[in-house]
Amino acid sequence: MREENLKVKIMKEEIIKRLKDIEIKNDIKIIYAVESGSRMWNFASKNSDYDVRFLYISSPKYYLSVENKKDYILIMDKEKGFDFSGWDIKKALGLLLKRNMSLYEWICSPIVYMKTEEMDGFTDVAQYCWDKKKLIYSYIHLASGNYKAYVLNKPEIKLKKYLYILRTIAACMWLEKYFVAKDLNDVNSAEENTSHEFCPISIDVISEMIKNDNGYIYNLLQKIIKTKRDGEELTLSCPDEQANMWVEEKIKYYKSMDNDLKISKSKYKKMKSKIGKMLDDFFYKIILQRLVSVS
């Protein structure tokens, strides 16, 4: 255990060092960096990659340029197992306006490498974009797409793919049951959300949701998790008809909610305009702060 803790500490120091190098080489300020992927969900194997995701503020000159510039950074190191992927703050805010699922998962990640005061502000405005209905819609369509691509009518399936399908369906179940963050159909509400539990980022929480719904699927999930943690994520298996029936029922159920999940165009336009102004104000504020800090 002590050896494992030492390894974690060394890898964290290496990741932070690389993030600081990325800042210098790209003339940016990273305001948030976290672990994503299997390590975030706590079902990683010893050989799993480090999927580091970060948000950054570019130099003021970047935003004042008449040219369209790259708004993301990708750096891969397959030898060390590092996968760095970052979004410029303007890109991130635009995706936040679209209720991007990945952003909310990053905010909830339990493994944080870097975080600044600017990220606290980002998280605050994120609650005004959080939409339970939109997230359920995104999760179930991701589950459906993966099921059709990797499981349906396949003679063999990769357990890793099946794990991700069960995870996204369980996320829908969690979102349906819990109304944790502020649902921003009312952007004028003065009520504050301080927990920022936007979505479930824990295989234990996911497992509990499935356990309460179906014991057979729960036992199957635990078997798959163990296989993944043992480093056998590419293991092939025959389709499980009982599990497939459960998956199809859940997909059908949550897809049937589509009409209920959608709001009227007029209401959405009004709501989007209010939230957009809020995001703009936050963007102007942090860019001005960045301008002052580098001048």
C-alpha atoms as a PDB file:
ATOM      1  CA  MET A   1       0.000   0.000   0.000  1.00  0.00           C
ATOM      2  CA  ARG A   2       2.841   2.396   0.879  1.00  0.00           C
ATOM      3  CA  GLU A   3       4.527   1.616  -2.454  1.00  0.00           C
ATOM      4  CA  GLU A   4       1.255   2.253  -4.309  1.00  0.00           C
ATOM      5  CA  ASN A   5       0.751   5.595  -2.520  1.00  0.00           C
ATOM      6  CA  LEU A   6       4.309   6.606  -3.420  1.00  0.00           C
ATOM      7  CA  LYS A   7       3.643   5.797  -7.079  1.00  0.00           C
ATOM      8  CA  VAL A   8       0.466   7.899  -7.045  1.00  0.00           C
ATOM      9  CA  LYS A   9       2.371  10.814  -5.509  1.00  0.00           C
ATOM     10  CA  ILE A  10       5.156  10.570  -8.098  1.00  0.00           C
ATOM     11  CA  MET A  11       2.688  10.437 -11.012  1.00  0.00           C
ATOM     12  CA  LYS A  12       0.756  13.412  -9.642  1.00  0.00           C
ATOM     13  CA  GLU A  13       3.961  15.444  -9.388  1.00  0.00           C
ATOM     14  CA  GLU A  14       4.871  14.459 -12.956  1.00  0.00           C
ATOM     15  CA  ILE A  15       1.444  15.479 -14.244  1.00  0.00           C
ATOM     16  CA  ILE A  16       1.552  18.856 -12.482  1.00  0.00           C
ATOM     17  CA  LYS A  17       5.051  19.478 -13.864  1.00  0.00           C
ATOM     18  CA  ARG A  18       3.839  18.720 -17.387  1.00  0.00           C
ATOM     19  CA  LEU A  19       0.831  20.997 -16.937  1.00  0.00           C
ATOM     20  CA  LYS A  20       3.126  23.851 -15.904  1.00  0.00           C
ATOM     21  CA  ASP A  21       5.286  23.168 -18.969  1.00  0.00           C
ATOM     22  CA  ILE A  22       2.145  23.335 -21.141  1.00  0.00           C
ATOM     23  CA  GLU A  23       1.348  26.735 -19.587  1.00  0.00           C
ATOM     24  CA  ILE A  24       4.791  28.129 -20.434  1.00  0.00           C
ATOM     25  CA  LYS A  25       5.018  26.710 -23.955  1.00  0.00           C
ATOM     26  CA  ASN A  26       1.525  27.868 -24.941  1.00  0.00           C
ATOM     27  CA  ASP A  27       1.394  31.186 -23.020  1.00  0.00           C
ATOM     28  CA  ILE A  28      -1.765  30.150 -21.156  1.00  0.00           C
ATOM     29  CA  LYS A  29      -3.035  29.972 -17.598  1.00  0.00           C
ATOM     30  CA  ILE A  30      -4.551  26.635 -16.595  1.00  0.00           C
ATOM     31  CA  ILE A  31      -7.423  27.223 -14.179  1.00  0.00           C
ATOM     32  CA  TYR A  32      -8.467  23.603 -13.723  1.00  0.00           C
ATOM     33  CA  ALA A  33      -6.968  20.190 -14.385  1.00  0.00           C
ATOM     34  CA  VAL A  34      -8.439  16.846 -13.388  1.00  0.00           C
ATOM     35  CA  GLU A  35      -8.330  13.148 -14.082  1.00  0.00           C
ATOM     36  CA  SER A  36     -10.992  11.814 -16.417  1.00  0.00           C
ATOM     37  CA  GLY A  37     -11.733   8.330 -17.765  1.00  0.00           C
ATOM     38  CA  SER A  38     -11.408   5.126 -15.785  1.00  0.00           C
ATOM     39  CA  ARG A  39      -9.256   6.623 -13.026  1.00  0.00           C
ATOM     40  CA  MET A  40     -11.900   9.243 -12.340  1.00  0.00           C
ATOM     41  CA  TRP A  41     -14.545   6.513 -12.122  1.00  0.00           C
ATOM     42  CA  ASN A  42     -12.317   4.285  -9.968  1.00  0.00           C
ATOM     43  CA  PHE A  43     -12.256   1.224 -12.192  1.00  0.00           C
ATOM     44  CA  ALA A  44      -8.794   1.699 -13.663  1.00  0.00           C
ATOM     45  CA  SER A  45      -6.280  -1.085 -14.009  1.00  0.00           C
ATOM     46  CA  LYS A  46      -2.604  -0.604 -13.117  1.00  0.00           C
ATOM     47  CA  ASN A  47      -1.855  -0.028 -16.806  1.00  0.00           C
ATOM     48  CA  SER A  48      -4.661   2.435 -17.501  1.00  0.00           C
ATOM     49  CA  ASP A  49      -3.665   5.724 -19.128  1.00  0.00           C
ATOM     50  CA  TYR A  50      -3.792   9.017 -17.276  1.00  0.00           C
ATOM     51  CA  ASP A  51      -6.533  11.004 -19.021  1.00  0.00           C
ATOM     52  CA  VAL A  52      -5.817  14.556 -17.884  1.00  0.00           C
ATOM     53  CA  ARG A  53      -8.391  17.187 -18.858  1.00  0.00           C
ATOM     54  CA  PHE A  54      -7.904  20.906 -18.303  1.00  0.00           C
ATOM     55  CA  LEU A  55      -9.414  24.336 -18.908  1.00  0.00           C
ATOM     56  CA  TYR A  56      -7.227  27.344 -19.611  1.00  0.00           C
ATOM     57  CA  ILE A  57      -7.224  31.066 -20.305  1.00  0.00           C
ATOM     58  CA  SER A  58      -5.171  32.208 -23.273  1.00  0.00           C
ATOM     59  CA  SER A  59      -3.212  35.448 -23.463  1.00  0.00           C
ATOM     60  CA  PRO A  60      -5.308  38.616 -24.106  1.00  0.00           C
ATOM     61  CA  LYS A  61      -3.729  38.901 -27.582  1.00  0.00           C
ATOM     62  CA  TYR A  62      -5.285  35.547 -28.476  1.00  0.00           C
ATOM     63  CA  TYR A  63      -8.804  36.930 -27.970  1.00  0.00           C
ATOM     64  CA  LEU A  64      -8.049  40.201 -29.760  1.00  0.00           C
ATOM     65  CA  SER A  65      -6.742  38.543 -32.922  1.00  0.00           C
ATOM     66  CA  VAL A  66      -8.781  38.855 -36.126  1.00  0.00           C
ATOM     67  CA  GLU A  67      -7.805  35.301 -37.032  1.00  0.00           C
ATOM     68  CA  ASN A  68      -9.600  32.199 -35.818  1.00  0.00           C
ATOM     69  CA  LYS A  69      -7.128  30.336 -33.676  1.00  0.00           C
ATOM     70  CA  LYS A  70      -7.023  26.831 -32.245  1.00  0.00           C
ATOM     71  CA  ASP A  71      -9.097  26.642 -29.062  1.00  0.00           C
ATOM     72  CA  TYR A  72      -7.825  23.349 -27.714  1.00  0.00           C
ATOM     73  CA  ILE A  73      -4.561  21.607 -26.791  1.00  0.00           C
ATOM     74  CA  LEU A  74      -3.861  17.896 -27.272  1.00  0.00           C
ATOM     75  CA  ILE A  75      -0.682  16.196 -26.077  1.00  0.00           C
ATOM     76  CA  MET A  76      -0.158  12.432 -26.103  1.00  0.00           C
ATOM     77  CA  ASP A  77       2.652  10.436 -24.563  1.00  0.00           C
ATOM     78  CA  LYS A  78       1.876   6.789 -25.216  1.00  0.00           C
ATOM     79  CA  GLU A  79       5.144   5.615 -23.704  1.00  0.00           C
ATOM     80  CA  LYS A  80       4.291   7.145 -20.314  1.00  0.00           C
ATOM     81  CA  GLY A  81       0.547   6.597 -20.720  1.00  0.00           C
ATOM     82  CA  PHE A  82      -0.348  10.296 -20.619  1.00  0.00           C
ATOM     83  CA  ASP A  83      -3.266  11.831 -22.519  1.00  0.00           C
ATOM     84  CA  PHE A  84      -3.568  15.600 -22.015  1.00  0.00           C
ATOM     85  CA  SER A  85      -6.528  17.441 -23.501  1.00  0.00           C
ATOM     86  CA  GLY A  86      -7.453  21.046 -22.759  1.00  0.00           C
ATOM     87  CA  TRP A  87     -10.079  23.563 -23.843  1.00  0.00           C
ATOM     88  CA  ASP A  88      -9.773  27.327 -24.003  1.00  0.00           C
ATOM     89  CA  ILE A  89     -12.174  29.052 -21.590  1.00  0.00           C
ATOM     90  CA  LYS A  90     -14.205  30.608 -24.415  1.00  0.00           C
ATOM     91  CA  LYS A  91     -14.713  27.209 -26.019  1.00  0.00           C
ATOM     92  CA  ALA A  92     -15.603  25.722 -22.622  1.00  0.00           C
ATOM     93  CA  LEU A  93     -18.194  28.411 -21.930  1.00  0.00           C
ATOM     94  CA  GLY A  94     -19.753  27.834 -25.346  1.00  0.00           C
ATOM     95  CA  LEU A  95     -19.999  24.123 -24.601  1.00  0.00           C
ATOM     96  CA  LEU A  96     -21.386  24.915 -21.171  1.00  0.00           C
ATOM     97  CA  LEU A  97     -24.201  26.809 -22.859  1.00  0.00           C
ATOM     98  CA  LYS A  98     -24.961  23.597 -24.749  1.00  0.00           C
ATOM     99  CA  ARG A  99     -25.009  21.611 -21.472  1.00  0.00           C
ATOM    100  CA  ASN A 100     -21.936  19.601 -22.403  1.00  0.00           C
ATOM    101  CA  MET A 101     -21.912  16.352 -20.434  1.00  0.00           C
ATOM    102  CA  SER A 102     -18.115  16.029 -20.259  1.00  0.00           C
ATOM    103  CA  LEU A 103     -17.686  19.427 -18.608  1.00  0.00           C
ATOM    104  CA  TYR A 104     -19.976  18.511 -15.752  1.00  0.00           C
ATOM    105  CA  GLU A 105     -18.138  15.237 -15.237  1.00  0.00           C
ATOM    106  CA  TRP A 106     -14.824  17.119 -15.090  1.00  0.00           C
ATOM    107  CA  ILE A 107     -16.221  19.529 -12.497  1.00  0.00           C
ATOM    108  CA  CYS A 108     -17.214  16.551 -10.355  1.00  0.00           C
ATOM    109  CA  SER A 109     -13.939  14.634 -10.778  1.00  0.00           C
ATOM    110  CA  PRO A 110     -12.508  13.542  -7.409  1.00  0.00           C
ATOM    111  CA  ILE A 111      -8.923  13.733  -8.725  1.00  0.00           C
ATOM    112  CA  VAL A 112      -7.901  17.384  -9.086  1.00  0.00           C
ATOM    113  CA  TYR A 113      -4.379  18.380 -10.165  1.00  0.00           C
ATOM    114  CA  MET A 114      -4.785  22.153 -10.446  1.00  0.00           C
ATOM    115  CA  LYS A 115      -7.516  24.614  -9.511  1.00  0.00           C
ATOM    116  CA  THR A 116      -7.602  28.424  -9.328  1.00  0.00           C
ATOM    117  CA  GLU A 117     -10.107  31.035  -8.151  1.00  0.00           C
ATOM    118  CA  GLU A 118     -11.264  31.487 -11.743  1.00  0.00           C
ATOM    119  CA  MET A 119     -12.497  27.897 -11.704  1.00  0.00           C
ATOM    120  CA  ASP A 120     -14.647  28.643  -8.683  1.00  0.00           C
ATOM    121  CA  GLY A 121     -16.377  31.269 -10.802  1.00  0.00           C
ATOM    122  CA  PHE A 122     -16.718  28.836 -13.698  1.00  0.00           C
ATOM    123  CA  THR A 123     -18.356  26.275 -11.417  1.00  0.00           C
ATOM    124  CA  ASP A 124     -20.760  28.905 -10.130  1.00  0.00           C
ATOM    125  CA  VAL A 125     -21.964  29.846 -13.620  1.00  0.00           C
ATOM    126  CA  ALA A 126     -22.055  26.154 -14.574  1.00  0.00           C
ATOM    127  CA  GLN A 127     -24.952  25.643 -12.190  1.00  0.00           C
ATOM    128  CA  TYR A 128     -26.986  28.083 -14.273  1.00  0.00           C
ATOM    129  CA  CYS A 129     -26.459  25.923 -17.347  1.00  0.00           C
ATOM    130  CA  TRP A 130     -27.062  22.589 -15.631  1.00  0.00           C
ATOM    131  CA  ASP A 131     -30.129  20.890 -17.033  1.00  0.00           C
ATOM    132  CA  LYS A 132     -31.138  17.516 -15.674  1.00  0.00           C
ATOM    133  CA  LYS A 133     -33.339  16.817 -18.688  1.00  0.00           C
ATOM    134  CA  LYS A 134     -30.623  17.634 -21.198  1.00  0.00           C
ATOM    135  CA  LEU A 135     -28.098  15.457 -19.377  1.00  0.00           C
ATOM    136  CA  ILE A 136     -30.469  12.477 -19.328  1.00  0.00           C
ATOM    137  CA  TYR A 137     -31.006  13.002 -23.048  1.00  0.00           C
ATOM    138  CA  SER A 138     -27.232  13.064 -23.676  1.00  0.00           C
ATOM    139  CA  TYR A 139     -26.458  10.035 -21.524  1.00  0.00           C
ATOM    140  CA  ILE A 140     -29.166   7.797 -22.954  1.00  0.00           C
ATOM    141  CA  HIS A 141     -28.267   8.633 -26.544  1.00  0.00           C
ATOM    142  CA  LEU A 142     -24.632   7.833 -25.757  1.00  0.00           C
ATOM    143  CA  ALA A 143     -25.718   4.511 -24.245  1.00  0.00           C
ATOM    144  CA  SER A 144     -27.928   3.763 -27.237  1.00  0.00           C
ATOM    145  CA  GLY A 145     -25.181   4.571 -29.735  1.00  0.00           C
ATOM    146  CA  ASN A 146     -22.641   2.368 -27.959  1.00  0.00           C
ATOM    147  CA  TYR A 147     -25.146  -0.469 -27.640  1.00  0.00           C
ATOM    148  CA  LYS A 148     -25.913  -0.422 -31.366  1.00  0.00           C
ATOM    149  CA  ALA A 149     -22.241  -0.119 -32.331  1.00  0.00           C
ATOM    150  CA  TYR A 150     -20.644  -2.642 -29.980  1.00  0.00           C
ATOM    151  CA  VAL A 151     -23.279  -5.042 -28.604  1.00  0.00           C
ATOM    152  CA  LEU A 152     -26.416  -5.390 -30.699  1.00  0.00           C
ATOM    153  CA  ASN A 153     -26.274  -8.459 -32.977  1.00  0.00           C
ATOM    154  CA  LYS A 154     -22.586  -8.994 -32.214  1.00  0.00           C
ATOM    155  CA  PRO A 155     -21.369 -12.595 -31.655  1.00  0.00           C
ATOM    156  CA  GLU A 156     -18.785 -11.300 -29.163  1.00  0.00           C
ATOM    157  CA  ILE A 157     -18.536  -8.099 -27.155  1.00  0.00           C
ATOM    158  CA  LYS A 158     -15.745  -6.246 -25.362  1.00  0.00           C
ATOM    159  CA  LEU A 159     -16.520  -6.047 -21.669  1.00  0.00           C
ATOM    160  CA  LYS A 160     -15.024  -2.548 -21.559  1.00  0.00           C
ATOM    161  CA  LYS A 161     -17.692  -1.290 -23.980  1.00  0.00           C
ATOM    162  CA  TYR A 162     -20.443  -2.981 -22.021  1.00  0.00           C
ATOM    163  CA  LEU A 163     -19.216  -1.333 -18.835  1.00  0.00           C
ATOM    164  CA  TYR A 164     -19.604   2.119 -20.411  1.00  0.00           C
ATOM    165  CA  ILE A 165     -23.147   1.312 -21.543  1.00  0.00           C
ATOM    166  CA  LEU A 166     -24.180   0.271 -18.036  1.00  0.00           C
ATOM    167  CA  ARG A 167     -22.474   3.349 -16.600  1.00  0.00           C
ATOM    168  CA  THR A 168     -24.365   5.805 -18.791  1.00  0.00           C
ATOM    169  CA  ILE A 169     -27.717   4.127 -18.174  1.00  0.00           C
ATOM    170  CA  ALA A 170     -27.087   4.201 -14.421  1.00  0.00           C
ATOM    171  CA  ALA A 171     -26.263   7.906 -14.726  1.00  0.00           C
ATOM    172  CA  CYS A 172     -29.734   8.441 -16.192  1.00  0.00           C
ATOM    173  CA  MET A 173     -31.227   6.528 -13.272  1.00  0.00           C
ATOM    174  CA  TRP A 174     -29.301   8.713 -10.812  1.00  0.00           C
ATOM    175  CA  LEU A 175     -30.356  11.930 -12.546  1.00  0.00           C
ATOM    176  CA  GLU A 176     -33.974  10.813 -12.632  1.00  0.00           C
ATOM    177  CA  LYS A 177     -33.971  10.021  -8.906  1.00  0.00           C
ATOM    178  CA  TYR A 178     -31.978  12.945  -7.560  1.00  0.00           C
ATOM    179  CA  PHE A 179     -32.597  16.600  -8.245  1.00  0.00           C
ATOM    180  CA  VAL A 180     -29.317  17.706  -6.745  1.00  0.00           C
ATOM    181  CA  ALA A 181     -28.062  20.739  -8.605  1.00  0.00           C
ATOM    182  CA  LYS A 182     -30.192  23.689  -9.584  1.00  0.00           C
ATOM    183  CA  ASP A 183     -32.166  22.969 -12.737  1.00  0.00           C
ATOM    184  CA  LEU A 184     -31.811  26.216 -14.590  1.00  0.00           C
ATOM    185  CA  ASN A 185     -35.180  26.536 -16.204  1.00  0.00           C
ATOM    186  CA  ASP A 186     -35.512  29.436 -13.762  1.00  0.00           C
ATOM    187  CA  VAL A 187     -32.378  31.539 -14.126  1.00  0.00           C
ATOM    188  CA  ASN A 188     -33.818  34.300 -11.945  1.00  0.00           C
ATOM    189  CA  SER A 189     -33.957  32.112  -8.840  1.00  0.00           C
ATOM    190  CA  ALA A 190     -31.919  33.475  -5.943  1.00  0.00           C
ATOM    191  CA  GLU A 191     -31.408  30.024  -4.472  1.00  0.00           C
ATOM    192  CA  GLU A 192     -27.788  28.975  -4.450  1.00  0.00           C
ATOM    193  CA  ASN A 193     -26.455  25.483  -5.045  1.00  0.00           C
ATOM    194  CA  THR A 194     -23.267  24.799  -3.118  1.00  0.00           C
ATOM    195  CA  SER A 195     -22.821  21.055  -3.553  1.00  0.00           C
ATOM    196  CA  HIS A 196     -22.219  21.085  -7.317  1.00  0.00           C
ATOM    197  CA  GLU A 197     -23.187  17.426  -7.565  1.00  0.00           C
ATOM    198  CA  PHE A 198     -24.050  17.752 -11.219  1.00  0.00           C
ATOM    199  CA  CYS A 199     -23.714  14.082 -12.138  1.00  0.00           C
ATOM    200  CA  PRO A 200     -22.557  10.809 -10.557  1.00  0.00           C
ATOM    201  CA  ILE A 201     -18.782  10.288 -10.750  1.00  0.00           C
ATOM    202  CA  SER A 202     -18.282   7.116  -8.764  1.00  0.00           C
ATOM    203  CA  ILE A 203     -18.542   3.489  -9.755  1.00  0.00           C
ATOM    204  CA  ASP A 204     -19.826   2.824  -6.240  1.00  0.00           C
ATOM    205  CA  VAL A 205     -22.753   5.201  -6.744  1.00  0.00           C
ATOM    206  CA  ILE A 206     -23.425   3.722 -10.180  1.00  0.00           C
ATOM    207  CA  SER A 207     -23.303   0.203  -8.734  1.00  0.00           C
ATOM    208  CA  GLU A 208     -25.736   1.142  -5.982  1.00  0.00           C
ATOM    209  CA  MET A 209     -28.228   2.534  -8.504  1.00  0.00           C
ATOM    210  CA  ILE A 210     -28.163  -0.717 -10.478  1.00  0.00           C
ATOM    211  CA  LYS A 211     -28.201  -2.890  -7.351  1.00  0.00           C
ATOM    212  CA  ASN A 212     -31.462  -1.278  -6.247  1.00  0.00           C
ATOM    213  CA  ASP A 213     -32.967  -1.913  -9.671  1.00  0.00           C
ATOM    214  CA  ASN A 214     -31.751  -5.361 -10.746  1.00  0.00           C
ATOM    215  CA  GLY A 215     -29.585  -7.828  -8.802  1.00  0.00           C
ATOM    216  CA  TYR A 216     -28.560  -9.802 -11.883  1.00  0.00           C
ATOM    217  CA  ILE A 217     -27.264  -6.714 -13.698  1.00  0.00           C
ATOM    218  CA  TYR A 218     -25.509  -5.591 -10.516  1.00  0.00           C
ATOM    219  CA  ASN A 219     -23.623  -8.893 -10.227  1.00  0.00           C
ATOM    220  CA  LEU A 220     -22.691  -8.715 -13.896  1.00  0.00           C
ATOM    221  CA  LEU A 221     -21.433  -5.154 -13.441  1.00  0.00           C
ATOM    222  CA  GLN A 222     -19.235  -6.165 -10.496  1.00  0.00           C
ATOM    223  CA  LYS A 223     -17.763  -8.974 -12.583  1.00  0.00           C
ATOM    224  CA  ILE A 224     -16.965  -6.570 -15.413  1.00  0.00           C
ATOM    225  CA  ILE A 225     -15.446  -4.012 -13.018  1.00  0.00           C
ATOM    226  CA  LYS A 226     -13.165  -6.672 -11.528  1.00  0.00           C
ATOM    227  CA  THR A 227     -12.101  -7.768 -14.999  1.00  0.00           C
ATOM    228  CA  LYS A 228     -11.343  -4.149 -15.931  1.00  0.00           C
ATOM    229  CA  ARG A 229      -9.343  -3.504 -12.756  1.00  0.00           C
ATOM    230  CA  ASP A 230      -7.383  -6.702 -13.329  1.00  0.00           C
ATOM    231  CA  GLY A 231      -6.182  -5.262 -16.623  1.00  0.00           C
ATOM    232  CA  GLU A 232      -8.325  -7.423 -18.890  1.00  0.00           C
ATOM    233  CA  GLU A 233     -10.391  -4.608 -20.386  1.00  0.00           C
ATOM    234  CA  LEU A 234     -10.195  -6.002 -23.918  1.00  0.00           C
ATOM    235  CA  THR A 235     -11.549  -9.385 -22.840  1.00  0.00           C
ATOM    236  CA  LEU A 236     -14.198 -10.702 -25.205  1.00  0.00           C
ATOM    237  CA  SER A 237     -17.399 -12.288 -23.994  1.00  0.00           C
ATOM    238  CA  CYS A 238     -20.552 -13.765 -25.456  1.00  0.00           C
ATOM    239  CA  PRO A 239     -23.575 -11.454 -25.320  1.00  0.00           C
ATOM    240  CA  ASP A 240     -25.717 -11.771 -22.214  1.00  0.00           C
ATOM    241  CA  GLU A 241     -29.326 -11.906 -23.418  1.00  0.00           C
ATOM    242  CA  GLN A 242     -30.777 -11.049 -20.016  1.00  0.00           C
ATOM    243  CA  ALA A 243     -28.504  -8.052 -19.732  1.00  0.00           C
ATOM    244  CA  ASN A 244     -29.315  -6.986 -23.285  1.00  0.00           C
ATOM    245  CA  MET A 245     -33.024  -7.077 -22.508  1.00  0.00           C
ATOM    246  CA  TRP A 246     -32.450  -4.852 -19.477  1.00  0.00           C
ATOM    247  CA  VAL A 247     -30.374  -2.404 -21.504  1.00  0.00           C
ATOM    248  CA  GLU A 248     -32.971  -2.226 -24.288  1.00  0.00           C
ATOM    249  CA  GLU A 249     -35.783  -1.660 -21.786  1.00  0.00           C
ATOM    250  CA  LYS A 250     -33.884   1.190 -20.141  1.00  0.00           C
ATOM    251  CA  ILE A 251     -33.000   2.793 -23.462  1.00  0.00           C
ATOM    252  CA  LYS A 252     -36.621   2.577 -24.576  1.00  0.00           C
ATOM    253  CA  TYR A 253     -37.827   4.020 -21.271  1.00  0.00           C
ATOM    254  CA  TYR A 254     -35.494   7.027 -21.259  1.00  0.00           C
ATOM    255  CA  LYS A 255     -35.900   7.700 -24.962  1.00  0.00           C
ATOM    256  CA  SER A 256     -39.673   7.763 -24.457  1.00  0.00           C
ATOM    257  CA  MET A 257     -39.051  10.743 -22.196  1.00  0.00           C
ATOM    258  CA  ASP A 258     -37.676  12.784 -25.124  1.00  0.00           C
ATOM    259  CA  ASN A 259     -40.819  14.856 -25.597  1.00  0.00           C
ATOM    260  CA  ASP A 260     -40.992  15.556 -21.878  1.00  0.00           C
ATOM    261  CA  LEU A 261     -37.316  16.494 -21.850  1.00  0.00           C
ATOM    262  CA  LYS A 262     -37.704  19.154 -24.493  1.00  0.00           C
ATOM    263  CA  ILE A 263     -38.902  22.667 -23.691  1.00  0.00           C
ATOM    264  CA  SER A 264     -40.666  25.060 -26.041  1.00  0.00           C
ATOM    265  CA  LYS A 265     -38.513  26.953 -28.535  1.00  0.00           C
ATOM    266  CA  SER A 266     -39.640  30.322 -27.188  1.00  0.00           C
ATOM    267  CA  LYS A 267     -38.857  29.383 -23.588  1.00  0.00           C
ATOM    268  CA  TYR A 268     -35.489  27.926 -24.596  1.00  0.00           C
ATOM    269  CA  LYS A 269     -34.584  31.046 -26.599  1.00  0.00           C
ATOM    270  CA  LYS A 270     -35.413  33.316 -23.659  1.00  0.00           C
ATOM    271  CA  MET A 271     -33.547  31.123 -21.193  1.00  0.00           C
ATOM    272  CA  LYS A 272     -30.506  30.774 -23.474  1.00  0.00           C
ATOM    273  CA  SER A 273     -30.301  34.539 -23.889  1.00  0.00           C
ATOM    274  CA  LYS A 274     -30.237  35.126 -20.121  1.00  0.00           C
ATOM    275  CA  ILE A 275     -27.678  32.416 -19.481  1.00  0.00           C
ATOM    276  CA  GLY A 276     -25.584  33.594 -22.439  1.00  0.00           C
ATOM    277  CA  LYS A 277     -25.355  37.089 -20.950  1.00  0.00           C
ATOM    278  CA  MET A 278     -24.263  35.598 -17.641  1.00  0.00           C
ATOM    279  CA  LEU A 279     -21.514  33.592 -19.350  1.00  0.00           C
ATOM    280  CA  ASP A 280     -20.406  36.636 -21.339  1.00  0.00           C
ATOM    281  CA  ASP A 281     -20.108  38.708 -18.161  1.00  0.00           C
ATOM    282  CA  PHE A 282     -17.982  35.990 -16.550  1.00  0.00           C
ATOM    283  CA  PHE A 283     -15.809  35.735 -19.678  1.00  0.00           C
ATOM    284  CA  TYR A 284     -15.214  39.510 -19.831  1.00  0.00           C
ATOM    285  CA  LYS A 285     -14.299  39.559 -16.150  1.00  0.00           C
ATOM    286  CA  ILE A 286     -11.636  36.838 -16.285  1.00  0.00           C
ATOM    287  CA  ILE A 287     -10.109  38.203 -19.513  1.00  0.00           C
ATOM    288  CA  LEU A 288      -9.797  41.645 -17.937  1.00  0.00           C
ATOM    289  CA  GLN A 289      -8.174  40.048 -14.888  1.00  0.00           C
ATOM    290  CA  ARG A 290      -5.758  38.191 -17.167  1.00  0.00           C
ATOM    291  CA  LEU A 291      -4.957  41.435 -19.017  1.00  0.00           C
ATOM    292  CA  VAL A 292      -4.134  43.186 -15.758  1.00  0.00           C
ATOM    293  CA  SER A 293      -2.014  40.304 -14.489  1.00  0.00           C
ATOM    294  CA  VAL A 294       0.223  40.210 -17.592  1.00  0.00           C
ATOM    295  CA  SER A 295       0.508  43.964 -18.148  1.00  0.00           C
END
